[in-house]
């Protein structure tokens, strides 16, 4: 039986994106779970453990930067920001708040996989 090499949590309000990433990443032994809001994502992280967080900025309710600030209060989990907001200010803020990497949408799933493996 193949066991996952890593557990990944995606917090993104795009359900189809989460499903696509789960399907794309599973052959590489990555176990992907998804949450559609920041609040649900933080609750899932508390129930963890996860090895990596993929986080969108534009979320309903609590935005991704606020989620990242909460995560960084008590966790060093690697975080990749994956968001349509790819301008310099958002990238810099994400990195300053503790993201390990930043990838703008639209993106190539193979590039995301390479970044996951690099982290």
N, C-alpha and C. Protein backbone atom coordinates (compact mmCIF):
# COMPACT_ATOMS: atom_id res chain seq x y z
N UNK A 1 0.84 -1.19 0.00
CA UNK A 1 0.00 0.00 0.00
C UNK A 1 0.88 1.24 0.00
N UNK A 2 0.57 2.18 -0.88
CA UNK A 2 1.31 3.43 -0.93
C UNK A 2 0.77 4.39 0.10
N UNK A 3 1.65 4.93 0.93
CA UNK A 3 1.25 5.95 1.89
C UNK A 3 1.73 7.30 1.36
N UNK A 4 1.02 8.36 1.69
CA UNK A 4 1.43 9.67 1.17
C UNK A 4 2.77 10.11 1.75
N UNK A 5 3.55 10.78 0.91
CA UNK A 5 4.83 11.35 1.35
C UNK A 5 4.59 12.62 2.15
N UNK A 6 3.50 13.32 1.84
CA UNK A 6 3.21 14.58 2.52
C UNK A 6 1.71 14.85 2.47
N UNK A 7 1.24 15.54 3.51
CA UNK A 7 -0.16 15.97 3.56
C UNK A 7 -0.19 17.47 3.30
N UNK A 8 -1.00 17.84 2.32
CA UNK A 8 -1.10 19.24 1.90
C UNK A 8 -2.51 19.74 2.14
N UNK A 9 -2.61 20.94 2.70
CA UNK A 9 -3.90 21.60 2.86
C UNK A 9 -3.96 22.78 1.91
N UNK A 10 -5.04 22.84 1.12
CA UNK A 10 -5.29 23.97 0.24
C UNK A 10 -6.42 24.79 0.84
N UNK A 11 -6.19 26.08 0.99
CA UNK A 11 -7.27 26.99 1.41
C UNK A 11 -7.51 27.93 0.25
N UNK A 12 -8.60 27.67 -0.48
CA UNK A 12 -8.94 28.43 -1.68
C UNK A 12 -10.43 28.28 -1.90
N UNK A 13 -11.12 29.36 -2.23
CA UNK A 13 -12.57 29.28 -2.41
C UNK A 13 -12.98 28.71 -3.76
N UNK A 14 -12.03 28.33 -4.59
CA UNK A 14 -12.30 27.71 -5.89
C UNK A 14 -12.29 26.19 -5.73
N UNK A 15 -13.48 25.60 -5.57
CA UNK A 15 -13.62 24.15 -5.34
C UNK A 15 -12.98 23.35 -6.48
N UNK A 16 -13.21 23.78 -7.72
CA UNK A 16 -12.67 23.05 -8.87
C UNK A 16 -11.15 23.04 -8.86
N UNK A 17 -10.53 24.14 -8.45
CA UNK A 17 -9.07 24.19 -8.37
C UNK A 17 -8.58 23.16 -7.35
N UNK A 18 -9.21 23.10 -6.19
CA UNK A 18 -8.81 22.13 -5.18
C UNK A 18 -8.92 20.71 -5.68
N UNK A 19 -10.01 20.41 -6.39
CA UNK A 19 -10.19 19.06 -6.94
C UNK A 19 -9.14 18.75 -8.00
N UNK A 20 -8.85 19.72 -8.87
CA UNK A 20 -7.84 19.54 -9.91
C UNK A 20 -6.47 19.30 -9.30
N UNK A 21 -6.13 20.07 -8.27
CA UNK A 21 -4.82 19.90 -7.65
C UNK A 21 -4.72 18.56 -6.92
N UNK A 22 -5.78 18.14 -6.27
CA UNK A 22 -5.77 16.83 -5.60
C UNK A 22 -5.53 15.73 -6.62
N UNK A 23 -6.20 15.82 -7.76
CA UNK A 23 -6.03 14.81 -8.80
C UNK A 23 -4.62 14.85 -9.40
N UNK A 24 -4.11 16.06 -9.62
CA UNK A 24 -2.78 16.21 -10.22
C UNK A 24 -1.66 15.76 -9.27
N UNK A 25 -1.80 16.06 -7.98
CA UNK A 25 -0.72 15.80 -7.03
C UNK A 25 -0.73 14.38 -6.45
N UNK A 26 -1.86 13.71 -6.48
CA UNK A 26 -1.94 12.40 -5.84
C UNK A 26 -1.00 11.36 -6.46
N UNK A 27 -0.73 11.34 -7.77
CA UNK A 27 0.23 10.36 -8.29
C UNK A 27 1.64 10.53 -7.72
N UNK A 28 1.94 11.71 -7.17
CA UNK A 28 3.24 11.97 -6.56
C UNK A 28 3.20 11.71 -5.05
N UNK A 29 2.21 10.91 -4.62
CA UNK A 29 2.07 10.51 -3.21
C UNK A 29 1.86 11.71 -2.29
N UNK A 30 1.11 12.69 -2.77
CA UNK A 30 0.76 13.85 -1.97
C UNK A 30 -0.73 13.76 -1.65
N UNK A 31 -1.05 13.79 -0.38
CA UNK A 31 -2.43 13.70 0.10
C UNK A 31 -2.96 15.11 0.27
N UNK A 32 -3.94 15.48 -0.56
CA UNK A 32 -4.43 16.86 -0.60
C UNK A 32 -5.83 16.95 0.01
N UNK A 33 -5.99 17.91 0.93
CA UNK A 33 -7.29 18.26 1.48
C UNK A 33 -7.53 19.73 1.14
N UNK A 34 -8.80 20.11 1.04
CA UNK A 34 -9.11 21.49 0.68
C UNK A 34 -10.18 22.07 1.58
N UNK A 35 -10.04 23.36 1.85
CA UNK A 35 -11.04 24.14 2.59
C UNK A 35 -11.36 25.37 1.74
N UNK A 36 -12.61 25.82 1.84
CA UNK A 36 -13.07 26.91 0.99
C UNK A 36 -13.04 28.28 1.67
N UNK A 37 -12.69 28.33 2.95
CA UNK A 37 -12.62 29.62 3.65
C UNK A 37 -11.44 29.61 4.61
N UNK A 38 -11.01 30.80 4.98
CA UNK A 38 -9.90 30.92 5.92
C UNK A 38 -10.22 30.33 7.27
N UNK A 39 -11.43 30.57 7.75
CA UNK A 39 -11.83 30.04 9.06
C UNK A 39 -11.80 28.52 9.07
N UNK A 40 -12.37 27.90 8.01
CA UNK A 40 -12.36 26.43 7.92
C UNK A 40 -10.94 25.90 7.79
N UNK A 41 -10.11 26.63 7.07
CA UNK A 41 -8.72 26.21 6.90
C UNK A 41 -7.95 26.24 8.21
N UNK A 42 -8.15 27.28 9.01
CA UNK A 42 -7.47 27.35 10.30
C UNK A 42 -7.93 26.22 11.21
N UNK A 43 -9.22 25.90 11.17
CA UNK A 43 -9.73 24.79 11.97
C UNK A 43 -9.11 23.47 11.52
N UNK A 44 -8.99 23.28 10.22
CA UNK A 44 -8.38 22.06 9.70
C UNK A 44 -6.91 21.97 10.12
N UNK A 45 -6.20 23.09 10.06
CA UNK A 45 -4.79 23.10 10.48
C UNK A 45 -4.64 22.72 11.94
N UNK A 46 -5.54 23.19 12.78
CA UNK A 46 -5.49 22.85 14.20
C UNK A 46 -5.70 21.36 14.42
N UNK A 47 -6.48 20.75 13.53
CA UNK A 47 -6.73 19.31 13.62
C UNK A 47 -5.64 18.50 12.94
N UNK A 48 -4.75 19.14 12.22
CA UNK A 48 -3.62 18.65 11.45
C UNK A 48 -3.28 17.20 11.66
N UNK A 49 -2.09 16.78 11.49
CA UNK A 49 -0.94 17.58 11.04
C UNK A 49 -0.86 17.63 9.51
N UNK A 50 -0.39 18.74 9.01
CA UNK A 50 -0.14 18.93 7.59
C UNK A 50 1.32 19.29 7.40
N UNK A 51 1.84 18.96 6.22
CA UNK A 51 3.24 19.23 5.91
C UNK A 51 3.42 20.51 5.10
N UNK A 52 2.34 20.98 4.46
CA UNK A 52 2.43 22.15 3.59
C UNK A 52 1.06 22.78 3.46
N UNK A 53 1.03 24.11 3.36
CA UNK A 53 -0.21 24.85 3.16
C UNK A 53 -0.11 25.62 1.85
N UNK A 54 -1.13 25.47 1.01
CA UNK A 54 -1.27 26.28 -0.20
C UNK A 54 -2.43 27.23 0.06
N UNK A 55 -2.18 28.53 -0.04
CA UNK A 55 -3.11 29.52 0.46
C UNK A 55 -3.39 30.62 -0.57
N UNK A 56 -4.68 30.88 -0.79
CA UNK A 56 -5.12 31.98 -1.65
C UNK A 56 -5.25 33.24 -0.80
N UNK A 57 -5.12 34.40 -1.41
CA UNK A 57 -5.32 35.66 -0.67
C UNK A 57 -6.79 36.03 -0.62
N UNK A 58 -7.46 35.96 -1.77
CA UNK A 58 -8.85 36.42 -1.84
C UNK A 58 -9.79 35.30 -1.42
N UNK A 59 -10.18 35.34 -0.15
CA UNK A 59 -11.07 34.34 0.43
C UNK A 59 -12.29 35.04 1.01
N UNK A 60 -13.42 34.35 1.08
CA UNK A 60 -14.58 34.94 1.74
C UNK A 60 -14.32 35.06 3.23
N UNK A 61 -14.77 36.13 3.84
CA UNK A 61 -14.55 36.32 5.27
C UNK A 61 -13.11 36.72 5.52
N UNK A 62 -12.39 35.89 6.21
CA UNK A 62 -10.99 36.15 6.57
C UNK A 62 -10.10 35.97 5.33
N UNK A 63 -9.36 37.02 4.94
CA UNK A 63 -8.52 36.89 3.74
C UNK A 63 -7.25 36.08 4.03
N UNK A 64 -6.58 35.69 2.97
CA UNK A 64 -5.41 34.82 3.09
C UNK A 64 -4.26 35.42 3.87
N UNK A 65 -4.05 36.72 3.78
CA UNK A 65 -2.97 37.34 4.55
C UNK A 65 -3.27 37.27 6.04
N UNK A 66 -4.54 37.45 6.42
CA UNK A 66 -4.90 37.31 7.84
C UNK A 66 -4.75 35.86 8.30
N UNK A 67 -5.10 34.92 7.42
CA UNK A 67 -4.91 33.50 7.75
C UNK A 67 -3.43 33.24 7.97
N UNK A 68 -2.60 33.75 7.09
CA UNK A 68 -1.15 33.55 7.21
C UNK A 68 -0.62 34.11 8.52
N UNK A 69 -1.08 35.30 8.91
CA UNK A 69 -0.65 35.88 10.19
C UNK A 69 -1.04 34.98 11.35
N UNK A 70 -2.24 34.42 11.31
CA UNK A 70 -2.69 33.50 12.37
C UNK A 70 -1.84 32.23 12.39
N UNK A 71 -1.57 31.69 11.23
CA UNK A 71 -0.77 30.47 11.13
C UNK A 71 0.61 30.70 11.72
N UNK A 72 1.21 31.84 11.41
CA UNK A 72 2.58 32.12 11.85
C UNK A 72 2.69 32.39 13.35
N UNK A 73 1.58 32.59 14.03
CA UNK A 73 1.64 32.80 15.48
C UNK A 73 2.15 31.56 16.20
N UNK A 74 1.86 30.38 15.65
CA UNK A 74 2.27 29.17 16.37
C UNK A 74 2.69 28.03 15.45
N UNK A 75 3.00 28.32 14.19
CA UNK A 75 3.39 27.25 13.29
C UNK A 75 4.44 27.71 12.29
N UNK A 76 5.31 26.80 11.94
CA UNK A 76 6.33 27.06 10.92
C UNK A 76 6.05 26.24 9.66
N UNK A 77 4.79 25.76 9.50
CA UNK A 77 4.43 24.98 8.32
C UNK A 77 4.81 25.76 7.06
N UNK A 78 5.42 25.11 6.08
CA UNK A 78 5.70 25.81 4.82
C UNK A 78 4.41 26.25 4.15
N UNK A 79 4.43 27.49 3.61
CA UNK A 79 3.25 28.06 2.98
C UNK A 79 3.61 28.56 1.58
N UNK A 80 2.82 28.11 0.60
CA UNK A 80 2.91 28.65 -0.75
C UNK A 80 1.64 29.45 -0.99
N UNK A 81 1.80 30.73 -1.28
CA UNK A 81 0.67 31.57 -1.65
C UNK A 81 0.39 31.29 -3.13
N UNK A 82 -0.85 30.96 -3.44
CA UNK A 82 -1.27 30.68 -4.81
C UNK A 82 -2.48 31.55 -5.07
N UNK A 83 -2.28 32.65 -5.79
CA UNK A 83 -3.34 33.65 -5.84
C UNK A 83 -3.35 34.42 -7.15
N UNK A 84 -4.51 34.93 -7.48
CA UNK A 84 -4.66 35.77 -8.68
C UNK A 84 -4.06 37.15 -8.46
N UNK A 85 -3.83 37.49 -7.20
CA UNK A 85 -3.26 38.81 -6.89
C UNK A 85 -1.74 38.70 -6.96
N UNK A 86 -1.20 38.93 -8.15
CA UNK A 86 0.22 38.72 -8.37
C UNK A 86 1.03 39.99 -8.45
N UNK A 87 0.46 41.13 -8.07
CA UNK A 87 1.25 42.35 -8.15
C UNK A 87 2.32 42.38 -7.06
N UNK A 88 3.29 43.26 -7.24
CA UNK A 88 4.44 43.31 -6.34
C UNK A 88 4.06 43.48 -4.88
N UNK A 89 3.11 44.36 -4.60
CA UNK A 89 2.75 44.64 -3.21
C UNK A 89 2.22 43.38 -2.53
N UNK A 90 1.34 42.64 -3.20
CA UNK A 90 0.79 41.42 -2.61
C UNK A 90 1.86 40.36 -2.42
N UNK A 91 2.73 40.20 -3.40
CA UNK A 91 3.83 39.23 -3.28
C UNK A 91 4.73 39.58 -2.10
N UNK A 92 5.10 40.83 -2.01
CA UNK A 92 5.99 41.26 -0.93
C UNK A 92 5.32 41.09 0.43
N UNK A 93 4.04 41.49 0.54
CA UNK A 93 3.32 41.32 1.81
C UNK A 93 3.24 39.85 2.20
N UNK A 94 2.91 38.99 1.25
CA UNK A 94 2.83 37.56 1.53
C UNK A 94 4.15 37.03 2.06
N UNK A 95 5.23 37.41 1.44
CA UNK A 95 6.55 36.94 1.88
C UNK A 95 6.92 37.56 3.23
N UNK A 96 6.62 38.83 3.42
CA UNK A 96 6.92 39.49 4.70
C UNK A 96 6.11 38.89 5.85
N UNK A 97 4.90 38.44 5.57
CA UNK A 97 4.06 37.83 6.61
C UNK A 97 4.43 36.38 6.88
N UNK A 98 5.38 35.84 6.12
CA UNK A 98 5.87 34.50 6.43
C UNK A 98 5.65 33.43 5.39
N UNK A 99 5.14 33.77 4.21
CA UNK A 99 5.01 32.76 3.15
C UNK A 99 6.40 32.34 2.71
N UNK A 100 6.52 31.08 2.32
CA UNK A 100 7.80 30.56 1.85
C UNK A 100 7.97 30.72 0.34
N UNK A 101 6.84 30.83 -0.36
CA UNK A 101 6.88 30.98 -1.81
C UNK A 101 5.58 31.62 -2.25
N UNK A 102 5.54 32.11 -3.49
CA UNK A 102 4.39 32.83 -4.00
C UNK A 102 4.26 32.50 -5.47
N UNK A 103 3.11 32.04 -5.88
CA UNK A 103 2.87 31.70 -7.28
C UNK A 103 1.56 32.35 -7.71
N UNK A 104 1.61 33.09 -8.81
CA UNK A 104 0.43 33.80 -9.30
C UNK A 104 -0.41 32.90 -10.21
N UNK A 105 -1.74 33.08 -10.12
CA UNK A 105 -2.67 32.40 -11.04
C UNK A 105 -2.80 33.26 -12.29
N UNK A 106 -3.00 32.70 -13.44
CA UNK A 106 -2.98 31.27 -13.71
C UNK A 106 -1.57 30.73 -13.59
N UNK A 107 -1.46 29.45 -13.30
CA UNK A 107 -0.16 28.84 -13.06
C UNK A 107 -0.10 27.49 -13.77
N UNK A 108 1.11 27.00 -13.92
CA UNK A 108 1.33 25.68 -14.49
C UNK A 108 1.40 24.69 -13.32
N UNK A 109 0.54 23.68 -13.28
CA UNK A 109 0.57 22.73 -12.17
C UNK A 109 1.93 22.05 -11.99
N UNK A 110 2.66 21.86 -13.06
CA UNK A 110 4.00 21.26 -12.93
C UNK A 110 4.95 22.19 -12.18
N UNK A 111 4.79 23.51 -12.38
CA UNK A 111 5.61 24.46 -11.64
C UNK A 111 5.26 24.41 -10.15
N UNK A 112 3.97 24.32 -9.84
CA UNK A 112 3.57 24.20 -8.44
C UNK A 112 4.16 22.94 -7.83
N UNK A 113 4.09 21.82 -8.54
CA UNK A 113 4.67 20.57 -8.03
C UNK A 113 6.17 20.73 -7.79
N UNK A 114 6.86 21.38 -8.70
CA UNK A 114 8.30 21.60 -8.51
C UNK A 114 8.56 22.46 -7.26
N UNK A 115 7.74 23.46 -7.03
CA UNK A 115 7.91 24.31 -5.85
C UNK A 115 7.60 23.54 -4.57
N UNK A 116 6.58 22.69 -4.62
CA UNK A 116 6.26 21.84 -3.46
C UNK A 116 7.45 20.95 -3.13
N UNK A 117 8.01 20.33 -4.15
CA UNK A 117 9.16 19.43 -3.92
C UNK A 117 10.37 20.19 -3.41
N UNK A 118 10.54 21.43 -3.88
CA UNK A 118 11.68 22.25 -3.43
C UNK A 118 11.55 22.60 -1.95
N UNK A 119 10.32 22.79 -1.50
CA UNK A 119 10.11 23.13 -0.08
C UNK A 119 10.19 21.88 0.74
